[in-house]
Amino acid sequence: MPRRLPIKAERVVGNLFIILVFGTLVYVYFASVCVVLGPRIASGTSNGIQEITLAFYHFFLMMLLWSLVQTIF
């Protein structure tokens, strides 16, 4: 039976940090898109600036996530 390597603290802390970063990004996304910009756009009270802001926000969010995944791997 092969011997298992012990779990290293650095690996656990690193994985927890990655989960914390992704959780923070999910929270910021929910707060900014679902709570602030989403209802304004859905109700029709936006003046066009919110749609442009939302498009830029999604573009930069995708670039951030792509960079983060590239850094992790």
Protein backbone atom coordinates (compact mmCIF):
# COMPACT_ATOMS: atom_id res chain seq x y z
CA MET A 1 0.00 0.00 0.00
CA PRO A 2 1.58 3.33 -1.03
CA ARG A 3 2.29 5.84 1.66
CA ARG A 4 0.27 9.06 1.45
CA LEU A 5 2.02 12.38 1.72
CA PRO A 6 0.91 14.59 4.59
CA ILE A 7 -1.23 17.59 3.82
CA LYS A 8 0.94 20.69 3.82
CA ALA A 9 -0.27 23.88 5.48
CA GLU A 10 0.95 26.01 2.55
CA ARG A 11 -1.32 24.15 0.15
CA VAL A 12 -4.37 24.48 2.42
CA VAL A 13 -3.77 28.20 3.00
CA GLY A 14 -3.22 28.76 -0.72
CA ASN A 15 -6.49 27.03 -1.60
CA LEU A 16 -8.36 28.99 1.06
CA PHE A 17 -6.94 32.22 -0.35
CA ILE A 18 -8.14 31.31 -3.85
CA ILE A 19 -11.60 30.54 -2.49
CA LEU A 20 -11.59 33.86 -0.61
CA VAL A 21 -10.66 35.80 -3.76
CA PHE A 22 -13.34 34.12 -5.86
CA GLY A 23 -15.89 34.63 -3.08
CA THR A 24 -15.03 38.32 -2.90
CA LEU A 25 -15.43 38.65 -6.66
CA VAL A 26 -18.83 36.95 -6.51
CA TYR A 27 -19.93 39.27 -3.70
CA VAL A 28 -18.79 42.40 -5.54
CA TYR A 29 -20.48 41.21 -8.74
CA PHE A 30 -23.75 40.51 -6.94
CA ALA A 31 -23.67 43.83 -5.10
CA SER A 32 -22.90 45.94 -8.14
CA VAL A 33 -24.87 44.18 -10.87
CA CYS A 34 -27.79 42.46 -9.17
CA VAL A 35 -28.50 45.09 -6.51
CA VAL A 36 -27.49 48.42 -8.05
CA LEU A 37 -27.43 48.34 -11.86
CA GLY A 38 -29.80 45.45 -12.60
CA PRO A 39 -32.98 46.94 -11.12
CA ARG A 40 -32.35 50.31 -12.78
CA ILE A 41 -31.97 48.73 -16.19
CA ALA A 42 -34.93 46.37 -15.69
CA SER A 43 -37.24 49.17 -14.56
CA GLY A 44 -36.43 51.28 -17.59
CA THR A 45 -35.19 54.27 -15.60
CA SER A 46 -31.65 54.06 -16.99
CA ASN A 47 -30.36 56.71 -19.37
CA GLY A 48 -27.98 54.56 -21.40
CA ILE A 49 -24.96 55.20 -19.22
CA GLN A 50 -25.83 52.19 -17.03
CA GLU A 51 -25.82 49.83 -20.02
CA ILE A 52 -22.42 51.09 -21.13
CA THR A 53 -21.10 50.83 -17.58
CA LEU A 54 -22.45 47.29 -17.32
CA ALA A 55 -20.81 46.28 -20.61
CA PHE A 56 -17.43 47.66 -19.50
CA TYR A 57 -17.85 46.06 -16.09
CA HIS A 58 -18.44 42.63 -17.62
CA PHE A 59 -15.53 43.02 -20.01
CA PHE A 60 -13.11 43.94 -17.24
CA LEU A 61 -14.52 41.23 -14.96
CA MET A 62 -13.89 38.59 -17.61
CA MET A 63 -10.36 39.89 -18.13
CA LEU A 64 -9.77 39.80 -14.36
CA LEU A 65 -11.05 36.23 -14.07
CA TRP A 66 -8.98 35.12 -17.06
CA SER A 67 -5.84 36.66 -15.53
CA LEU A 68 -6.59 35.10 -12.15
CA VAL A 69 -7.05 31.63 -13.63
CA GLN A 70 -3.87 32.01 -15.68
CA THR A 71 -1.99 33.03 -12.52
CA ILE A 72 -3.34 30.09 -10.53
CA PHE A 73 -2.40 27.52 -13.16
